[in-house]
Protein backbone atom coordinates (compact mmCIF):
# COMPACT_ATOMS: atom_id res chain seq x y z
CA UNK A 1 0.00 0.00 0.00
CA UNK A 2 1.27 3.46 -0.90
CA UNK A 3 1.30 6.27 1.63
CA UNK A 4 2.08 9.87 0.76
CA UNK A 5 5.01 11.41 2.56
CA UNK A 6 4.64 14.62 4.55
CA UNK A 7 6.36 16.55 1.77
CA UNK A 8 3.92 15.24 -0.85
CA UNK A 9 0.93 16.00 1.37
CA UNK A 10 2.15 19.56 1.90
CA UNK A 11 2.64 19.96 -1.84
CA UNK A 12 -0.90 18.69 -2.54
CA UNK A 13 -2.35 21.09 0.02
CA UNK A 14 -0.35 23.99 -1.46
CA UNK A 15 -1.58 23.14 -4.95
CA UNK A 16 -5.20 22.95 -3.75
CA UNK A 17 -4.93 26.31 -2.00
CA UNK A 18 -3.29 27.82 -5.08
CA UNK A 19 -6.10 26.54 -7.31
CA UNK A 20 -8.71 27.88 -4.86
CA UNK A 21 -6.99 31.28 -4.86
CA UNK A 22 -6.94 31.34 -8.67
CA UNK A 23 -10.68 30.50 -8.76
CA UNK A 24 -11.47 33.29 -6.30
CA UNK A 25 -9.42 35.83 -8.25
CA UNK A 26 -10.94 34.75 -11.57
CA UNK A 27 -14.53 35.02 -10.33
CA UNK A 28 -13.73 38.34 -8.65
CA UNK A 29 -12.39 39.61 -11.98
CA UNK A 30 -15.52 38.41 -13.80
CA UNK A 31 -17.74 40.06 -11.19
CA UNK A 32 -15.92 43.37 -11.34
CA UNK A 33 -16.06 43.31 -15.14
CA UNK A 34 -19.83 42.73 -15.13
CA UNK A 35 -20.36 45.52 -12.60
CA UNK A 36 -18.16 47.87 -14.66
CA UNK A 37 -20.11 47.22 -17.86
CA UNK A 38 -23.41 47.67 -16.02
CA UNK A 39 -22.25 51.03 -14.65
CA UNK A 40 -21.06 52.16 -18.09
CA UNK A 41 -24.41 51.24 -19.63
CA UNK A 42 -26.26 53.03 -16.82
CA UNK A 43 -24.15 56.16 -17.32
CA UNK A 44 -24.79 56.11 -21.07
CA UNK A 45 -28.54 55.80 -20.49
CA UNK A 46 -28.55 58.64 -17.92
CA UNK A 47 -26.44 60.95 -20.11
CA UNK A 48 -28.53 60.25 -23.23
CA UNK A 49 -31.76 61.07 -21.37
CA UNK A 50 -30.43 64.47 -20.26
CA UNK A 51 -29.94 65.79 -23.79
PDB file of N, CA and C in Angstrom:
ATOM      1  N   UNK A   1       0.843  -1.185   0.000  1.00  0.00           N
ATOM      2  CA  UNK A   1       0.000   0.000   0.000  1.00  0.00           C
ATOM      3  C   UNK A   1       0.886   1.246   0.000  1.00  0.00           C
ATOM      4  N   UNK A   2       0.461   2.254  -0.755  1.00  0.00           N
ATOM      5  CA  UNK A   2       1.274   3.464  -0.902  1.00  0.00           C
ATOM      6  C   UNK A   2       0.739   4.548   0.034  1.00  0.00           C
ATOM      7  N   UNK A   3       1.653   5.159   0.760  1.00  0.00           N
ATOM      8  CA  UNK A   3       1.299   6.273   1.629  1.00  0.00           C
ATOM      9  C   UNK A   3       2.082   7.499   1.195  1.00  0.00           C
ATOM     10  N   UNK A   4       1.418   8.630   1.156  1.00  0.00           N
ATOM     11  CA  UNK A   4       2.081   9.874   0.763  1.00  0.00           C
ATOM     12  C   UNK A   4       2.966  10.354   1.909  1.00  0.00           C
ATOM     13  N   UNK A   5       4.123  10.858   1.545  1.00  0.00           N
ATOM     14  CA  UNK A   5       5.007  11.407   2.563  1.00  0.00           C
ATOM     15  C   UNK A   5       4.504  12.793   2.983  1.00  0.00           C
ATOM     16  N   UNK A   6       5.054  13.297   4.078  1.00  0.00           N
ATOM     17  CA  UNK A   6       4.645  14.621   4.552  1.00  0.00           C
ATOM     18  C   UNK A   6       4.900  15.687   3.495  1.00  0.00           C
ATOM     19  N   UNK A   7       6.018  15.564   2.790  1.00  0.00           N
ATOM     20  CA  UNK A   7       6.364  16.552   1.766  1.00  0.00           C
ATOM     21  C   UNK A   7       5.329  16.532   0.639  1.00  0.00           C
ATOM     22  N   UNK A   8       4.916  15.337   0.222  1.00  0.00           N
ATOM     23  CA  UNK A   8       3.922  15.238  -0.848  1.00  0.00           C
ATOM     24  C   UNK A   8       2.564  15.764  -0.394  1.00  0.00           C
ATOM     25  N   UNK A   9       2.207  15.493   0.851  1.00  0.00           N
ATOM     26  CA  UNK A   9       0.930  15.997   1.372  1.00  0.00           C
ATOM     27  C   UNK A   9       0.932  17.509   1.411  1.00  0.00           C
ATOM     28  N   UNK A  10       2.054  18.092   1.871  1.00  0.00           N
ATOM     29  CA  UNK A  10       2.152  19.558   1.902  1.00  0.00           C
ATOM     30  C   UNK A  10       2.041  20.132   0.503  1.00  0.00           C
ATOM     31  N   UNK A  11       2.686  19.476  -0.458  1.00  0.00           N
ATOM     32  CA  UNK A  11       2.638  19.959  -1.839  1.00  0.00           C
ATOM     33  C   UNK A  11       1.216  19.890  -2.378  1.00  0.00           C
ATOM     34  N   UNK A  12       0.492  18.813  -2.084  1.00  0.00           N
ATOM     35  CA  UNK A  12      -0.898  18.691  -2.537  1.00  0.00           C
ATOM     36  C   UNK A  12      -1.770  19.782  -1.920  1.00  0.00           C
ATOM     37  N   UNK A  13      -1.578  20.052  -0.652  1.00  0.00           N
ATOM     38  CA  UNK A  13      -2.353  21.095   0.021  1.00  0.00           C
ATOM     39  C   UNK A  13      -2.023  22.455  -0.571  1.00  0.00           C
ATOM     40  N   UNK A  14      -0.743  22.710  -0.862  1.00  0.00           N
ATOM     41  CA  UNK A  14      -0.353  23.992  -1.462  1.00  0.00           C
ATOM     42  C   UNK A  14      -0.979  24.148  -2.835  1.00  0.00           C
ATOM     43  N   UNK A  15      -0.991  23.064  -3.608  1.00  0.00           N
ATOM     44  CA  UNK A  15      -1.577  23.144  -4.952  1.00  0.00           C
ATOM     45  C   UNK A  15      -3.078  23.399  -4.846  1.00  0.00           C
ATOM     46  N   UNK A  16      -3.761  22.734  -3.925  1.00  0.00           N
ATOM     47  CA  UNK A  16      -5.197  22.953  -3.754  1.00  0.00           C
ATOM     48  C   UNK A  16      -5.494  24.390  -3.335  1.00  0.00           C
ATOM     49  N   UNK A  17      -4.696  24.926  -2.427  1.00  0.00           N
ATOM     50  CA  UNK A  17      -4.931  26.311  -1.995  1.00  0.00           C
ATOM     51  C   UNK A  17      -4.623  27.285  -3.126  1.00  0.00           C
ATOM     52  N   UNK A  18      -3.617  26.973  -3.939  1.00  0.00           N
ATOM     53  CA  UNK A  18      -3.294  27.823  -5.080  1.00  0.00           C
ATOM     54  C   UNK A  18      -4.432  27.810  -6.096  1.00  0.00           C
ATOM     55  N   UNK A  19      -4.985  26.640  -6.367  1.00  0.00           N
ATOM     56  CA  UNK A  19      -6.099  26.537  -7.306  1.00  0.00           C
ATOM     57  C   UNK A  19      -7.317  27.290  -6.761  1.00  0.00           C
ATOM     58  N   UNK A  20      -7.582  27.160  -5.469  1.00  0.00           N
ATOM     59  CA  UNK A  20      -8.711  27.881  -4.864  1.00  0.00           C
ATOM     60  C   UNK A  20      -8.507  29.387  -4.970  1.00  0.00           C
ATOM     61  N   UNK A  21      -7.288  29.851  -4.744  1.00  0.00           N
ATOM     62  CA  UNK A  21      -6.993  31.281  -4.862  1.00  0.00           C
ATOM     63  C   UNK A  21      -7.192  31.761  -6.289  1.00  0.00           C
ATOM     64  N   UNK A  22      -6.769  30.965  -7.260  1.00  0.00           N
ATOM     65  CA  UNK A  22      -6.944  31.340  -8.667  1.00  0.00           C
ATOM     66  C   UNK A  22      -8.432  31.416  -9.011  1.00  0.00           C
ATOM     67  N   UNK A  23      -9.233  30.454  -8.524  1.00  0.00           N
ATOM     68  CA  UNK A  23     -10.679  30.499  -8.759  1.00  0.00           C
ATOM     69  C   UNK A  23     -11.284  31.767  -8.166  1.00  0.00           C
ATOM     70  N   UNK A  24     -10.914  32.095  -6.949  1.00  0.00           N
ATOM     71  CA  UNK A  24     -11.467  33.288  -6.299  1.00  0.00           C
ATOM     72  C   UNK A  24     -11.097  34.541  -7.075  1.00  0.00           C
ATOM     73  N   UNK A  25      -9.844  34.649  -7.488  1.00  0.00           N
ATOM     74  CA  UNK A  25      -9.419  35.827  -8.249  1.00  0.00           C
ATOM     75  C   UNK A  25     -10.118  35.902  -9.601  1.00  0.00           C
ATOM     76  N   UNK A  26     -10.289  34.760 -10.258  1.00  0.00           N
ATOM     77  CA  UNK A  26     -10.943  34.750 -11.566  1.00  0.00           C
ATOM     78  C   UNK A  26     -12.393  35.207 -11.450  1.00  0.00           C
ATOM     79  N   UNK A  27     -13.128  34.637 -10.473  1.00  0.00           N
ATOM     80  CA  UNK A  27     -14.527  35.023 -10.333  1.00  0.00           C
ATOM     81  C   UNK A  27     -14.673  36.458  -9.837  1.00  0.00           C
ATOM     82  N   UNK A  28     -13.720  36.937  -9.058  1.00  0.00           N
ATOM     83  CA  UNK A  28     -13.735  38.344  -8.653  1.00  0.00           C
ATOM     84  C   UNK A  28     -13.541  39.238  -9.871  1.00  0.00           C
ATOM     85  N   UNK A  29     -12.625  38.847 -10.759  1.00  0.00           N
ATOM     86  CA  UNK A  29     -12.394  39.615 -11.985  1.00  0.00           C
ATOM     87  C   UNK A  29     -13.638  39.627 -12.866  1.00  0.00           C
ATOM     88  N   UNK A  30     -14.290  38.484 -13.000  1.00  0.00           N
ATOM     89  CA  UNK A  30     -15.523  38.412 -13.801  1.00  0.00           C
ATOM     90  C   UNK A  30     -16.604  39.302 -13.185  1.00  0.00           C
ATOM     91  N   UNK A  31     -16.741  39.248 -11.864  1.00  0.00           N
ATOM     92  CA  UNK A  31     -17.742  40.060 -11.187  1.00  0.00           C
ATOM     93  C   UNK A  31     -17.495  41.545 -11.353  1.00  0.00           C
ATOM     94  N   UNK A  32     -16.257  41.955 -11.185  1.00  0.00           N
ATOM     95  CA  UNK A  32     -15.917  43.374 -11.339  1.00  0.00           C
ATOM     96  C   UNK A  32     -16.151  43.821 -12.783  1.00  0.00           C
ATOM     97  N   UNK A  33     -15.842  42.962 -13.735  1.00  0.00           N
ATOM     98  CA  UNK A  33     -16.060  43.306 -15.141  1.00  0.00           C
ATOM     99  C   UNK A  33     -17.543  43.489 -15.434  1.00  0.00           C
ATOM    100  N   UNK A  34     -18.378  42.609 -14.912  1.00  0.00           N
ATOM    101  CA  UNK A  34     -19.828  42.727 -15.129  1.00  0.00           C
ATOM    102  C   UNK A  34     -20.356  44.007 -14.494  1.00  0.00           C
ATOM    103  N   UNK A  35     -19.924  44.303 -13.281  1.00  0.00           N
ATOM    104  CA  UNK A  35     -20.362  45.524 -12.604  1.00  0.00           C
ATOM    105  C   UNK A  35     -19.912  46.759 -13.377  1.00  0.00           C
ATOM    106  N   UNK A  36     -18.687  46.730 -13.888  1.00  0.00           N
ATOM    107  CA  UNK A  36     -18.164  47.868 -14.657  1.00  0.00           C
ATOM    108  C   UNK A  36     -18.999  48.109 -15.907  1.00  0.00           C
ATOM    109  N   UNK A  37     -19.299  47.050 -16.663  1.00  0.00           N
ATOM    110  CA  UNK A  37     -20.109  47.219 -17.865  1.00  0.00           C
ATOM    111  C   UNK A  37     -21.514  47.709 -17.519  1.00  0.00           C
ATOM    112  N   UNK A  38     -22.076  47.216 -16.423  1.00  0.00           N
ATOM    113  CA  UNK A  38     -23.410  47.671 -16.018  1.00  0.00           C
ATOM    114  C   UNK A  38     -23.386  49.158 -15.674  1.00  0.00           C
ATOM    115  N   UNK A  39     -22.350  49.602 -14.981  1.00  0.00           N
ATOM    116  CA  UNK A  39     -22.248  51.028 -14.655  1.00  0.00           C
ATOM    117  C   UNK A  39     -22.048  51.886 -15.897  1.00  0.00           C
ATOM    118  N   UNK A  40     -21.262  51.415 -16.844  1.00  0.00           N
ATOM    119  CA  UNK A  40     -21.056  52.164 -18.087  1.00  0.00           C
ATOM    120  C   UNK A  40     -22.374  52.294 -18.846  1.00  0.00           C
ATOM    121  N   UNK A  41     -23.120  51.193 -18.937  1.00  0.00           N
ATOM    122  CA  UNK A  41     -24.408  51.240 -19.635  1.00  0.00           C
ATOM    123  C   UNK A  41     -25.368  52.185 -18.915  1.00  0.00           C
ATOM    124  N   UNK A  42     -25.388  52.141 -17.588  1.00  0.00           N
ATOM    125  CA  UNK A  42     -26.262  53.034 -16.825  1.00  0.00           C
ATOM    126  C   UNK A  42     -25.880  54.492 -17.052  1.00  0.00           C
ATOM    127  N   UNK A  43     -24.585  54.782 -17.065  1.00  0.00           N
ATOM    128  CA  UNK A  43     -24.155  56.163 -17.319  1.00  0.00           C
ATOM    129  C   UNK A  43     -24.543  56.618 -18.713  1.00  0.00           C
ATOM    130  N   UNK A  44     -24.406  55.751 -19.699  1.00  0.00           N
ATOM    131  CA  UNK A  44     -24.790  56.107 -21.067  1.00  0.00           C
ATOM    132  C   UNK A  44     -26.281  56.397 -21.140  1.00  0.00           C
ATOM    133  N   UNK A  45     -27.094  55.592 -20.486  1.00  0.00           N
ATOM    134  CA  UNK A  45     -28.543  55.797 -20.493  1.00  0.00           C
ATOM    135  C   UNK A  45     -28.878  57.118 -19.799  1.00  0.00           C
ATOM    136  N   UNK A  46     -28.266  57.395 -18.665  1.00  0.00           N
ATOM    137  CA  UNK A  46     -28.554  58.640 -17.922  1.00  0.00           C
ATOM    138  C   UNK A  46     -28.122  59.853 -18.735  1.00  0.00           C
ATOM    139  N   UNK A  47     -26.938  59.802 -19.335  1.00  0.00           N
ATOM    140  CA  UNK A  47     -26.444  60.953 -20.111  1.00  0.00           C
ATOM    141  C   UNK A  47     -27.307  61.161 -21.361  1.00  0.00           C
ATOM    142  N   UNK A  48     -27.727  60.073 -22.016  1.00  0.00           N
ATOM    143  CA  UNK A  48     -28.526  60.246 -23.234  1.00  0.00           C
ATOM    144  C   UNK A  48     -29.911  60.788 -22.920  1.00  0.00           C
ATOM    145  N   UNK A  49     -30.442  60.538 -21.723  1.00  0.00           N
ATOM    146  CA  UNK A  49     -31.758  61.072 -21.366  1.00  0.00           C
ATOM    147  C   UNK A  49     -31.701  62.556 -21.032  1.00  0.00           C
ATOM    148  N   UNK A  50     -30.539  63.061 -20.637  1.00  0.00           N
ATOM    149  CA  UNK A  50     -30.427  64.466 -20.257  1.00  0.00           C
ATOM    150  C   UNK A  50     -30.406  65.394 -21.468  1.00  0.00           C
ATOM    151  N   UNK A  51     -30.043  64.911 -22.603  1.00  0.00           N
ATOM    152  CA  UNK A  51     -29.940  65.787 -23.794  1.00  0.00           C
ATOM    153  C   UNK A  51     -31.271  66.051 -24.436  1.00  0.00           C
TER     154      UNK A  51
END
